[in-house]
Structure formats: structure tokens, C-alpha cells
Amino acid sequence: MTILQVRPAVRKRPVVDFNAFDQLLRTMAQVNLPASNGDIGQVLNRPAVNVKETGEAFFIEVAAPGLDKQDFEVRLDKNVLHIAAKKEVQAVEGETVRKREFGYARFERRFELPDAIDTNGIHANYYNGILALTLPKKETAKEQPPRVIDIV
């Protein structure tokens, strides 16, 4: 299977080739939304993503430490899987930040799914900073074991 990252200006440039057999999953770059102000909580982030495949399903893991599962929005619109997160950090009155090396940023990642994915079976879990999605394959898309065909 070939996994492609799609950017608005360049739509067919392969980034990672897991298996040249088929182009089942296409990865789209984050939505480029402008930051609303200089607040670190409003800048966009692009979290690291792992995409794995077995004969039964694809697995997408999104590294998003520090977020809670209610900070995420995962939705399917036609054949595009949207994963977004936003965490609001409230300033504490009387507190002055002297140094900030990390913050919570909003993000959105989109994955264009092929017809071979059973979209009704998609499910997600969030544990220890990793959002894990399972995208099961339809029976017709699963690899079949080799078999002997009888000649009649």
C-alpha cells in the first residue's frame, strides 16, 4: 500500500511508500489556518503520526501529549477522516510566565480513505498521549491466502 501526503499545491507527491502494491490511504497535510494572535495556545501544530497496516486493518496513531480525549474531534465526511484537537489554556490572574518551552496548539490532520475501508467499523482510543484509530478493511480488500485452482 502506498501512503501519500497531499498538500494543497502538490497533490501527487509520495512521501512514504509502505507497500507499492496499492494506493489505499492518502494523507493530507494539516489545514493551514492562521494563528489568531501571538498566544502560543493559538498556533498550529503538526503532531507526529504513525500509520501501520495489517491484513485486517490500518492503524493511525497521533502523538498528542497533554490533551484530554474531550479536546479531540474525530469525524468522517464522505471519504475523508478529520482529526482535530484544540485545548484552551486559561491565564491565571497574578501569574507571570517567565519562560515557556511548550504549549498546547490546535491542529487538524485529514486522511483521504479509499473504498476498501469499512467506515462503519472505525473506532478510536486515547491513552497516554496517543490517539489511536483503527480502520478495518472490508472483507473484499483483505489479502487472501494463496490457493490452488483446479483445472476442469
Protein backbone atom coordinates (compact mmCIF):
# COMPACT_ATOMS: atom_id res chain seq x y z
CA MET A 1 0.00 0.00 0.00
CA THR A 2 1.27 3.47 -0.74
CA ILE A 3 0.63 6.28 1.65
CA LEU A 4 0.75 9.71 0.15
CA GLN A 5 0.88 13.03 1.88
CA VAL A 6 -1.19 15.54 0.00
CA ARG A 7 -0.52 19.25 0.18
CA PRO A 8 -2.85 21.79 -1.42
CA ALA A 9 -0.24 22.81 -4.04
CA VAL A 10 1.27 19.34 -4.64
CA ARG A 11 -1.30 16.56 -4.66
CA LYS A 12 0.54 13.51 -6.02
CA ARG A 13 3.97 13.50 -4.37
CA PRO A 14 4.59 10.24 -2.48
CA VAL A 15 6.11 10.70 0.97
CA VAL A 16 6.19 7.22 2.43
CA ASP A 17 5.88 4.01 0.43
CA PHE A 18 4.90 1.19 2.81
CA ASN A 19 3.94 -1.18 0.04
CA ALA A 20 3.88 -0.38 -3.66
CA PHE A 21 1.02 -2.84 -4.23
CA ASP A 22 -1.79 -0.31 -3.95
CA GLN A 23 -2.60 3.28 -3.04
CA LEU A 24 -5.12 2.63 -0.29
CA LEU A 25 -4.54 5.57 2.00
CA ARG A 26 -3.68 9.15 1.20
CA THR A 27 -2.56 11.53 3.93
CA MET A 28 -3.39 15.17 3.62
CA ALA A 29 -1.39 17.91 5.27
CA GLN A 30 -2.86 19.92 8.08
CA VAL A 31 -5.25 22.73 7.36
CA ASN A 32 -3.19 25.92 7.24
CA LEU A 33 -5.21 28.20 9.48
CA PRO A 34 -3.61 31.48 10.50
CA ALA A 35 -2.76 31.98 14.16
CA SER A 36 -5.26 34.36 15.73
CA ASN A 37 -2.66 36.22 17.81
CA GLY A 38 0.77 35.74 19.35
CA ASP A 39 -0.56 33.37 22.01
CA ILE A 40 1.26 30.04 21.90
CA GLY A 41 -2.06 28.28 22.55
CA GLN A 42 -3.39 29.53 19.22
CA VAL A 43 -0.58 28.46 16.91
CA LEU A 44 -0.93 25.43 14.70
CA ASN A 45 0.97 22.28 15.35
CA ARG A 46 1.55 19.21 13.27
CA PRO A 47 1.70 16.21 15.56
CA ALA A 48 3.67 13.14 14.59
CA VAL A 49 1.57 10.39 13.02
CA ASN A 50 2.30 6.68 12.59
CA VAL A 51 0.33 4.70 10.01
CA LYS A 52 0.50 0.92 10.25
CA GLU A 53 -1.14 -1.78 8.19
CA THR A 54 -2.00 -5.41 8.73
CA GLY A 55 -4.04 -7.74 6.56
CA GLU A 56 -7.11 -6.79 8.58
CA ALA A 57 -6.86 -3.01 9.12
CA PHE A 58 -4.95 0.24 9.07
CA PHE A 59 -3.91 1.84 12.35
CA ILE A 60 -3.29 5.55 12.77
CA GLU A 61 -1.51 6.81 15.88
CA VAL A 62 -1.36 10.55 16.59
CA ALA A 63 1.10 11.78 19.24
CA ALA A 64 -0.80 14.38 21.25
CA PRO A 65 0.50 14.50 24.84
CA GLY A 66 -1.15 16.78 27.35
CA LEU A 67 -4.57 16.68 25.74
CA ASP A 68 -7.71 15.06 27.06
CA LYS A 69 -9.99 12.97 24.90
CA GLN A 70 -12.66 15.71 25.00
CA ASP A 71 -10.13 18.06 23.32
CA PHE A 72 -10.35 15.96 20.12
CA GLU A 73 -12.83 15.97 17.29
CA VAL A 74 -12.70 12.93 15.02
CA ARG A 75 -15.22 12.86 12.19
CA LEU A 76 -15.75 11.24 8.83
CA ASP A 77 -17.04 13.38 5.97
CA LYS A 78 -17.62 11.31 2.83
CA ASN A 79 -14.29 9.51 2.47
CA VAL A 80 -12.15 11.99 4.44
CA LEU A 81 -11.24 11.30 8.07
CA HIS A 82 -10.72 14.56 10.01
CA ILE A 83 -8.72 14.54 13.25
CA ALA A 84 -8.59 17.85 15.09
CA ALA A 85 -7.72 18.99 18.60
CA LYS A 86 -7.80 22.24 20.48
CA LYS A 87 -7.04 22.92 24.11
CA GLU A 88 -7.90 26.20 25.72
CA VAL A 89 -5.39 27.26 28.38
CA GLN A 90 -6.66 29.98 30.65
CA ALA A 91 -4.25 32.56 32.03
CA VAL A 92 -4.10 32.61 35.81
CA GLU A 93 -4.55 36.03 37.36
CA GLY A 94 -1.42 37.24 39.12
CA GLU A 95 0.78 34.68 37.34
CA THR A 96 3.61 35.78 35.07
CA VAL A 97 5.16 33.25 32.73
CA ARG A 98 8.94 33.70 32.84
CA LYS A 99 9.81 31.00 30.34
CA ARG A 100 7.65 28.86 28.07
CA GLU A 101 9.18 25.99 26.12
CA PHE A 102 5.95 24.20 25.23
CA GLY A 103 2.31 24.95 24.85
CA TYR A 104 -0.86 23.35 23.60
CA ALA A 105 -1.57 24.07 19.99
CA ARG A 106 -4.58 23.28 17.86
CA PHE A 107 -4.19 21.04 14.87
CA GLU A 108 -6.12 19.31 12.15
CA ARG A 109 -4.98 16.33 10.10
CA ARG A 110 -7.01 14.80 7.27
CA PHE A 111 -6.76 11.36 5.74
CA GLU A 112 -8.43 10.51 2.45
CA LEU A 113 -9.74 6.98 2.79
CA PRO A 114 -10.24 4.54 -0.06
CA ASP A 115 -13.36 2.47 -0.62
CA ALA A 116 -11.54 -0.56 0.85
CA ILE A 117 -12.03 0.81 4.40
CA ASP A 118 -15.08 -0.32 6.39
CA THR A 119 -16.03 3.17 7.60
CA ASN A 120 -18.73 1.84 9.95
CA GLY A 121 -16.08 -0.09 11.90
CA ILE A 122 -13.68 2.81 12.57
CA HIS A 123 -13.01 3.37 16.26
CA ALA A 124 -10.63 5.49 18.34
CA ASN A 125 -8.95 5.33 21.75
CA TYR A 126 -6.84 7.89 23.62
CA TYR A 127 -4.32 6.64 26.15
CA ASN A 128 -1.02 8.04 27.46
CA GLY A 129 -0.90 10.89 24.94
CA ILE A 130 -1.57 8.75 21.88
CA LEU A 131 -4.80 8.93 19.88
CA ALA A 132 -5.11 5.50 18.23
CA LEU A 133 -7.58 4.88 15.43
CA THR A 134 -8.40 1.51 13.90
CA LEU A 135 -9.65 1.50 10.33
CA PRO A 136 -10.76 -2.05 9.46
CA LYS A 137 -10.63 -3.23 5.87
CA LYS A 138 -13.66 -4.58 4.06
CA GLU A 139 -13.59 -8.33 3.52
CA THR A 140 -13.01 -7.88 -0.21
CA ALA A 141 -9.88 -5.77 0.45
CA LYS A 142 -8.19 -8.21 2.81
CA GLU A 143 -5.32 -10.25 1.48
CA GLN A 144 -6.35 -13.76 0.60
CA PRO A 145 -4.03 -16.71 1.18
CA PRO A 146 -2.63 -18.43 -1.88
CA ARG A 147 -4.81 -21.22 -3.22
CA VAL A 148 -4.69 -23.85 -5.89
CA ILE A 149 -7.20 -23.54 -8.69
CA ASP A 150 -8.39 -26.84 -10.10
CA ILE A 151 -8.37 -27.21 -13.86
CA VAL A 152 -11.59 -28.72 -15.09
